[in-house]
């Protein structure tokens, strides 16, 4: 279970870096895949930087905890960061995107993030229980 969880945690880190860099390097292209139409006059370019930096910071935080082998803290951080795709899902559904797209892209991401966080916490619970 630990290997699978480690792979999943690495995927969380890579996703944070991928989405963050995508928004920093190609904000307009990334925004079109986000589910909300970008501003036609390109006045929202600051949004791309904020979104990119947010995702990279999330990935970096998870990477640090993973490398330091703080798996319980990593589980809680990943679980708490499910707020981001949940918020993204709500934003897309309420600002011009379709509910189906919001749920398919951001809702499914939220479910995956919650699942990975829970798996890491369950793994730690099993370690504590078997150590007794």
N, C-alpha and C. Protein backbone atom coordinates (compact mmCIF):
# COMPACT_ATOMS: atom_id res chain seq x y z
N UNK A 1 0.83 -1.20 0.00
CA UNK A 1 0.00 0.00 0.00
C UNK A 1 0.87 1.26 0.00
N UNK A 2 2.00 1.20 0.69
CA UNK A 2 2.86 2.37 0.78
C UNK A 2 3.40 2.77 -0.60
N UNK A 3 3.76 1.78 -1.41
CA UNK A 3 4.27 2.09 -2.76
C UNK A 3 3.21 2.74 -3.62
N UNK A 4 2.01 2.20 -3.57
CA UNK A 4 0.91 2.77 -4.36
C UNK A 4 0.63 4.19 -3.91
N UNK A 5 0.59 4.42 -2.60
CA UNK A 5 0.35 5.76 -2.08
C UNK A 5 1.47 6.72 -2.46
N UNK A 6 2.69 6.22 -2.48
CA UNK A 6 3.81 7.07 -2.87
C UNK A 6 3.66 7.48 -4.34
N UNK A 7 3.30 6.54 -5.18
CA UNK A 7 3.08 6.85 -6.60
C UNK A 7 1.96 7.87 -6.75
N UNK A 8 0.87 7.69 -6.02
CA UNK A 8 -0.24 8.63 -6.08
C UNK A 8 0.18 10.02 -5.58
N UNK A 9 0.96 10.06 -4.51
CA UNK A 9 1.45 11.34 -3.99
C UNK A 9 2.36 12.03 -5.01
N UNK A 10 3.20 11.26 -5.68
CA UNK A 10 4.05 11.83 -6.72
C UNK A 10 3.19 12.39 -7.85
N UNK A 11 2.11 11.70 -8.19
CA UNK A 11 1.20 12.22 -9.22
C UNK A 11 0.57 13.54 -8.80
N UNK A 12 0.24 13.67 -7.52
CA UNK A 12 -0.30 14.93 -7.01
C UNK A 12 0.73 16.05 -7.19
N UNK A 13 1.97 15.76 -6.84
CA UNK A 13 3.05 16.74 -6.99
C UNK A 13 3.20 17.12 -8.46
N UNK A 14 3.27 16.13 -9.33
CA UNK A 14 3.45 16.40 -10.75
C UNK A 14 2.27 17.18 -11.33
N UNK A 15 1.07 16.85 -10.89
CA UNK A 15 -0.11 17.58 -11.37
C UNK A 15 -0.03 19.05 -10.97
N UNK A 16 0.38 19.31 -9.73
CA UNK A 16 0.53 20.70 -9.30
C UNK A 16 1.53 21.45 -10.16
N UNK A 17 2.67 20.83 -10.43
CA UNK A 17 3.68 21.47 -11.27
C UNK A 17 3.19 21.62 -12.72
N UNK A 18 2.54 20.59 -13.23
CA UNK A 18 2.06 20.64 -14.61
C UNK A 18 1.04 21.76 -14.80
N UNK A 19 0.02 21.79 -13.95
CA UNK A 19 -1.01 22.81 -14.09
C UNK A 19 -0.45 24.20 -13.82
N UNK A 20 0.41 24.31 -12.83
CA UNK A 20 1.02 25.60 -12.53
C UNK A 20 1.84 26.12 -13.68
N UNK A 21 2.73 25.29 -14.20
CA UNK A 21 3.56 25.71 -15.33
C UNK A 21 2.73 25.98 -16.58
N UNK A 22 1.67 25.20 -16.77
CA UNK A 22 0.80 25.42 -17.93
C UNK A 22 0.20 26.81 -17.90
N UNK A 23 -0.26 27.24 -16.72
CA UNK A 23 -0.85 28.56 -16.62
C UNK A 23 0.20 29.66 -16.72
N UNK A 24 1.40 29.41 -16.23
CA UNK A 24 2.45 30.42 -16.33
C UNK A 24 2.98 30.56 -17.76
N UNK A 25 3.09 29.44 -18.46
CA UNK A 25 3.68 29.47 -19.80
C UNK A 25 2.67 29.69 -20.92
N UNK A 26 1.43 29.25 -20.73
CA UNK A 26 0.38 29.40 -21.75
C UNK A 26 -0.95 29.64 -21.06
N UNK A 27 -1.08 30.80 -20.45
CA UNK A 27 -2.28 31.11 -19.68
C UNK A 27 -3.56 31.02 -20.48
N UNK A 28 -3.55 31.58 -21.68
CA UNK A 28 -4.76 31.60 -22.50
C UNK A 28 -5.16 30.17 -22.88
N UNK A 29 -4.21 29.38 -23.30
CA UNK A 29 -4.50 27.99 -23.68
C UNK A 29 -4.98 27.17 -22.49
N UNK A 30 -4.35 27.36 -21.35
CA UNK A 30 -4.75 26.62 -20.15
C UNK A 30 -6.12 27.05 -19.66
N UNK A 31 -6.38 28.34 -19.75
CA UNK A 31 -7.68 28.85 -19.29
C UNK A 31 -8.82 28.28 -20.12
N UNK A 32 -8.59 28.08 -21.40
CA UNK A 32 -9.66 27.53 -22.24
C UNK A 32 -10.00 26.10 -21.83
N UNK A 33 -9.04 25.37 -21.31
CA UNK A 33 -9.30 24.01 -20.83
C UNK A 33 -9.83 23.97 -19.41
N UNK A 34 -9.79 25.11 -18.72
CA UNK A 34 -10.24 25.18 -17.34
C UNK A 34 -11.75 25.10 -17.24
N UNK A 35 -12.44 25.66 -18.23
CA UNK A 35 -13.90 25.59 -18.24
C UNK A 35 -14.59 26.93 -18.16
N UNK A 36 -13.83 28.00 -17.94
CA UNK A 36 -14.38 29.35 -17.92
C UNK A 36 -13.77 30.09 -19.09
N UNK A 37 -14.60 30.77 -19.87
CA UNK A 37 -14.06 31.50 -21.01
C UNK A 37 -13.17 32.65 -20.53
N UNK A 38 -11.95 32.76 -21.09
CA UNK A 38 -11.07 33.88 -20.70
C UNK A 38 -11.63 35.20 -21.22
N UNK A 39 -11.19 36.27 -20.61
CA UNK A 39 -11.63 37.59 -21.02
C UNK A 39 -11.24 37.82 -22.48
N UNK A 40 -12.17 38.33 -23.28
CA UNK A 40 -11.83 38.56 -24.69
C UNK A 40 -10.78 39.66 -24.88
N UNK A 41 -10.68 40.57 -23.95
CA UNK A 41 -9.71 41.66 -24.10
C UNK A 41 -8.40 41.33 -23.40
N UNK A 42 -8.27 40.14 -22.90
CA UNK A 42 -7.06 39.65 -22.25
C UNK A 42 -6.72 40.47 -21.00
N UNK A 43 -7.73 41.00 -20.33
CA UNK A 43 -7.51 41.76 -19.11
C UNK A 43 -7.27 40.85 -17.91
N UNK A 44 -7.45 39.58 -18.07
CA UNK A 44 -7.33 38.65 -16.95
C UNK A 44 -5.99 37.94 -16.88
N UNK A 45 -4.97 38.49 -17.50
CA UNK A 45 -3.68 37.78 -17.53
C UNK A 45 -3.10 37.60 -16.13
N UNK A 46 -3.39 38.48 -15.20
CA UNK A 46 -2.91 38.31 -13.83
C UNK A 46 -3.47 37.05 -13.19
N UNK A 47 -4.66 36.68 -13.60
CA UNK A 47 -5.29 35.45 -13.10
C UNK A 47 -4.43 34.24 -13.44
N UNK A 48 -3.84 34.22 -14.62
CA UNK A 48 -3.03 33.08 -15.04
C UNK A 48 -1.82 32.91 -14.12
N UNK A 49 -1.22 34.02 -13.75
CA UNK A 49 -0.06 33.97 -12.86
C UNK A 49 -0.47 33.48 -11.48
N UNK A 50 -1.56 34.00 -10.96
CA UNK A 50 -2.05 33.58 -9.64
C UNK A 50 -2.36 32.09 -9.64
N UNK A 51 -3.05 31.62 -10.65
CA UNK A 51 -3.41 30.20 -10.76
C UNK A 51 -2.15 29.35 -10.89
N UNK A 52 -1.22 29.77 -11.69
CA UNK A 52 0.01 29.02 -11.88
C UNK A 52 0.83 28.93 -10.61
N UNK A 53 1.01 30.05 -9.94
CA UNK A 53 1.80 30.07 -8.70
C UNK A 53 1.11 29.25 -7.62
N UNK A 54 -0.22 29.33 -7.54
CA UNK A 54 -0.98 28.55 -6.55
C UNK A 54 -0.73 27.06 -6.74
N UNK A 55 -0.80 26.60 -7.96
CA UNK A 55 -0.62 25.17 -8.22
C UNK A 55 0.81 24.72 -7.98
N UNK A 56 1.78 25.56 -8.34
CA UNK A 56 3.18 25.21 -8.08
C UNK A 56 3.46 25.18 -6.58
N UNK A 57 2.90 26.12 -5.84
CA UNK A 57 3.09 26.14 -4.38
C UNK A 57 2.50 24.88 -3.75
N UNK A 58 1.34 24.48 -4.22
CA UNK A 58 0.71 23.25 -3.73
C UNK A 58 1.60 22.04 -4.03
N UNK A 59 2.09 21.95 -5.25
CA UNK A 59 2.97 20.84 -5.62
C UNK A 59 4.26 20.83 -4.82
N UNK A 60 4.82 22.01 -4.58
CA UNK A 60 6.06 22.12 -3.81
C UNK A 60 5.85 21.68 -2.36
N UNK A 61 4.75 22.10 -1.77
CA UNK A 61 4.44 21.71 -0.39
C UNK A 61 4.32 20.19 -0.28
N UNK A 62 3.59 19.60 -1.21
CA UNK A 62 3.44 18.14 -1.19
C UNK A 62 4.78 17.45 -1.42
N UNK A 63 5.60 18.00 -2.31
CA UNK A 63 6.91 17.41 -2.60
C UNK A 63 7.82 17.44 -1.37
N UNK A 64 7.83 18.56 -0.67
CA UNK A 64 8.66 18.68 0.54
C UNK A 64 8.25 17.63 1.58
N UNK A 65 6.97 17.51 1.83
CA UNK A 65 6.49 16.53 2.81
C UNK A 65 6.77 15.10 2.36
N UNK A 66 6.65 14.85 1.08
CA UNK A 66 6.95 13.52 0.55
C UNK A 66 8.43 13.19 0.72
N UNK A 67 9.30 14.13 0.36
CA UNK A 67 10.74 13.89 0.46
C UNK A 67 11.21 13.75 1.91
N UNK A 68 10.54 14.45 2.82
CA UNK A 68 10.90 14.37 4.23
C UNK A 68 10.24 13.17 4.92
N UNK A 69 9.45 12.42 4.15
CA UNK A 69 8.76 11.23 4.65
C UNK A 69 7.77 11.55 5.77
N UNK A 70 7.16 12.71 5.70
CA UNK A 70 6.10 13.09 6.65
C UNK A 70 4.76 12.72 6.03
N UNK A 71 4.51 11.46 5.96
CA UNK A 71 3.37 10.95 5.20
C UNK A 71 2.02 11.32 5.83
N UNK A 72 1.95 11.35 7.15
CA UNK A 72 0.69 11.73 7.79
C UNK A 72 0.39 13.20 7.49
N UNK A 73 1.39 14.06 7.63
CA UNK A 73 1.19 15.48 7.31
C UNK A 73 0.85 15.64 5.83
N UNK A 74 1.51 14.86 4.99
CA UNK A 74 1.21 14.89 3.55
C UNK A 74 -0.25 14.53 3.30
N UNK A 75 -0.73 13.51 3.98
CA UNK A 75 -2.13 13.12 3.83
C UNK A 75 -3.08 14.24 4.21
N UNK A 76 -2.80 14.91 5.32
CA UNK A 76 -3.65 16.03 5.74
C UNK A 76 -3.56 17.21 4.78
N UNK A 77 -2.36 17.50 4.30
CA UNK A 77 -2.19 18.61 3.36
C UNK A 77 -2.93 18.32 2.05
N UNK A 78 -2.76 17.12 1.53
CA UNK A 78 -3.46 16.76 0.30
C UNK A 78 -4.96 16.80 0.51
N UNK A 79 -5.41 16.27 1.63
CA UNK A 79 -6.84 16.28 1.93
C UNK A 79 -7.38 17.72 2.02
N UNK A 80 -6.66 18.58 2.72
CA UNK A 80 -7.12 19.97 2.86
C UNK A 80 -7.06 20.72 1.54
N UNK A 81 -6.12 20.35 0.67
CA UNK A 81 -6.01 21.04 -0.61
C UNK A 81 -7.06 20.60 -1.61
N UNK A 82 -7.91 19.67 -1.23
CA UNK A 82 -9.06 19.32 -2.07
C UNK A 82 -10.00 20.51 -2.20
N UNK A 83 -9.83 21.48 -1.32
CA UNK A 83 -10.62 22.71 -1.40
C UNK A 83 -10.41 23.39 -2.76
N UNK A 84 -9.19 23.30 -3.29
CA UNK A 84 -8.90 23.97 -4.57
C UNK A 84 -9.73 23.42 -5.73
N UNK A 85 -9.71 22.11 -6.01
CA UNK A 85 -10.55 21.66 -7.13
C UNK A 85 -12.05 21.78 -6.84
N UNK A 86 -12.44 21.73 -5.57
CA UNK A 86 -13.85 21.95 -5.24
C UNK A 86 -14.23 23.39 -5.58
N UNK A 87 -13.39 24.32 -5.20
CA UNK A 87 -13.63 25.73 -5.54
C UNK A 87 -13.61 25.95 -7.04
N UNK A 88 -12.68 25.30 -7.73
CA UNK A 88 -12.61 25.41 -9.19
C UNK A 88 -13.90 24.87 -9.82
N UNK A 89 -14.40 23.76 -9.29
CA UNK A 89 -15.63 23.16 -9.79
C UNK A 89 -16.81 24.13 -9.64
N UNK A 90 -16.90 24.73 -8.48
CA UNK A 90 -17.98 25.69 -8.23
C UNK A 90 -17.82 26.91 -9.13
N UNK A 91 -16.59 27.39 -9.31
CA UNK A 91 -16.35 28.56 -10.16
C UNK A 91 -16.76 28.29 -11.60
N UNK A 92 -16.39 27.14 -12.11
CA UNK A 92 -16.73 26.81 -13.50
C UNK A 92 -18.24 26.67 -13.65
N UNK A 93 -18.88 25.97 -12.71
CA UNK A 93 -20.33 25.74 -12.80
C UNK A 93 -21.13 27.03 -12.67
N UNK A 94 -20.59 28.02 -11.98
CA UNK A 94 -21.35 29.26 -11.75
C UNK A 94 -20.88 30.45 -12.58
N UNK A 95 -19.89 30.23 -13.44
CA UNK A 95 -19.37 31.36 -14.24
C UNK A 95 -19.22 30.99 -15.72
N UNK A 96 -20.25 30.45 -16.29
CA UNK A 96 -20.28 30.26 -17.72
C UNK A 96 -19.92 28.87 -18.21
N UNK A 97 -19.37 28.03 -17.36
CA UNK A 97 -19.08 26.65 -17.77
C UNK A 97 -20.29 25.78 -17.51
N UNK A 98 -20.25 24.58 -18.03
CA UNK A 98 -21.37 23.67 -17.79
C UNK A 98 -21.12 22.89 -16.50
N UNK A 99 -22.19 22.48 -15.88
CA UNK A 99 -22.08 21.68 -14.66
C UNK A 99 -21.40 20.35 -14.98
N UNK A 100 -21.73 19.78 -16.12
CA UNK A 100 -21.12 18.51 -16.52
C UNK A 100 -19.61 18.63 -16.65
N UNK A 101 -19.16 19.70 -17.29
CA UNK A 101 -17.72 19.91 -17.46
C UNK A 101 -17.07 20.15 -16.10
N UNK A 102 -17.71 20.97 -15.29
CA UNK A 102 -17.17 21.26 -13.96
C UNK A 102 -17.00 19.99 -13.14
N UNK A 103 -18.01 19.14 -13.17
CA UNK A 103 -17.94 17.89 -12.41
C UNK A 103 -16.94 16.91 -13.02
N UNK A 104 -16.93 16.81 -14.35
CA UNK A 104 -16.03 15.87 -15.01
C UNK A 104 -14.57 16.23 -14.79
N UNK A 105 -14.24 17.49 -14.87
CA UNK A 105 -12.84 17.91 -14.76
C UNK A 105 -12.47 18.18 -13.30
N UNK A 106 -13.13 19.13 -12.70
CA UNK A 106 -12.73 19.59 -11.36
C UNK A 106 -13.32 18.73 -10.25
N UNK A 107 -14.55 18.26 -10.44
CA UNK A 107 -15.15 17.37 -9.44
C UNK A 107 -14.40 16.06 -9.34
N UNK A 108 -14.04 15.50 -10.49
CA UNK A 108 -13.27 14.25 -10.45
C UNK A 108 -11.89 14.47 -9.85
N UNK A 109 -11.28 15.62 -10.12
CA UNK A 109 -9.98 15.94 -9.50
C UNK A 109 -10.13 16.02 -7.98
N UNK A 110 -11.20 16.63 -7.51
CA UNK A 110 -11.43 16.74 -6.07
C UNK A 110 -11.59 15.35 -5.44
N UNK A 111 -12.33 14.48 -6.11
CA UNK A 111 -12.52 13.12 -5.59
C UNK A 111 -11.18 12.40 -5.52
N UNK A 112 -10.37 12.53 -6.57
CA UNK A 112 -9.05 11.88 -6.58
C UNK A 112 -8.16 12.41 -5.46
N UNK A 113 -8.15 13.72 -5.27
CA UNK A 113 -7.31 14.33 -4.23
C UNK A 113 -7.77 13.85 -2.85
N UNK A 114 -9.06 13.85 -2.60
CA UNK A 114 -9.58 13.36 -1.32
C UNK A 114 -9.20 11.89 -1.12
N UNK A 115 -9.36 11.09 -2.15
CA UNK A 115 -9.03 9.67 -2.07
C UNK A 115 -7.55 9.47 -1.73
N UNK A 116 -6.68 10.20 -2.38
CA UNK A 116 -5.24 10.07 -2.11
C UNK A 116 -4.92 10.51 -0.69
N UNK A 117 -5.51 11.61 -0.25
CA UNK A 117 -5.29 12.06 1.13
C UNK A 117 -5.75 11.03 2.14
N UNK A 118 -6.92 10.46 1.92
CA UNK A 118 -7.46 9.44 2.83
C UNK A 118 -6.57 8.19 2.82
N UNK A 119 -6.14 7.77 1.65
CA UNK A 119 -5.26 6.59 1.56
C UNK A 119 -3.97 6.80 2.34
N UNK A 120 -3.40 7.99 2.26
CA UNK A 120 -2.19 8.27 3.03
C UNK A 120 -2.46 8.24 4.54
N UNK A 121 -3.60 8.74 4.95
CA UNK A 121 -3.94 8.73 6.38
C UNK A 121 -4.24 7.31 6.87
N UNK A 122 -4.92 6.52 6.04
CA UNK A 122 -5.20 5.13 6.40
C UNK A 122 -3.89 4.35 6.49
N UNK A 123 -2.99 4.61 5.57
CA UNK A 123 -1.67 3.95 5.61
C UNK A 123 -0.98 4.24 6.93
N UNK A 124 -1.02 5.46 7.40
CA UNK A 124 -0.36 5.82 8.65
C UNK A 124 -1.07 5.19 9.84
N UNK A 125 -2.36 5.07 9.75
CA UNK A 125 -3.13 4.43 10.83
C UNK A 125 -2.73 2.96 10.95
N UNK A 126 -2.55 2.31 9.82
CA UNK A 126 -2.15 0.90 9.81
C UNK A 126 -0.74 0.74 10.37
N UNK A 127 0.14 1.68 10.06
CA UNK A 127 1.51 1.62 10.57
C UNK A 127 1.52 1.74 12.08
N UNK A 128 0.73 2.67 12.62
CA UNK A 128 0.66 2.86 14.07
C UNK A 128 0.05 1.63 14.73
N UNK A 129 -1.02 1.08 14.15
CA UNK A 129 -1.68 -0.07 14.71
C UNK A 129 -0.77 -1.30 14.70
N UNK A 130 -0.05 -1.52 13.62
CA UNK A 130 0.83 -2.70 13.55
C UNK A 130 2.08 -2.55 14.40
N UNK A 131 2.45 -1.33 14.76
CA UNK A 131 3.62 -1.11 15.62
C UNK A 131 3.33 -1.44 17.08
N UNK A 132 2.07 -1.46 17.43
CA UNK A 132 1.69 -1.72 18.83
C UNK A 132 1.82 -3.13 19.19
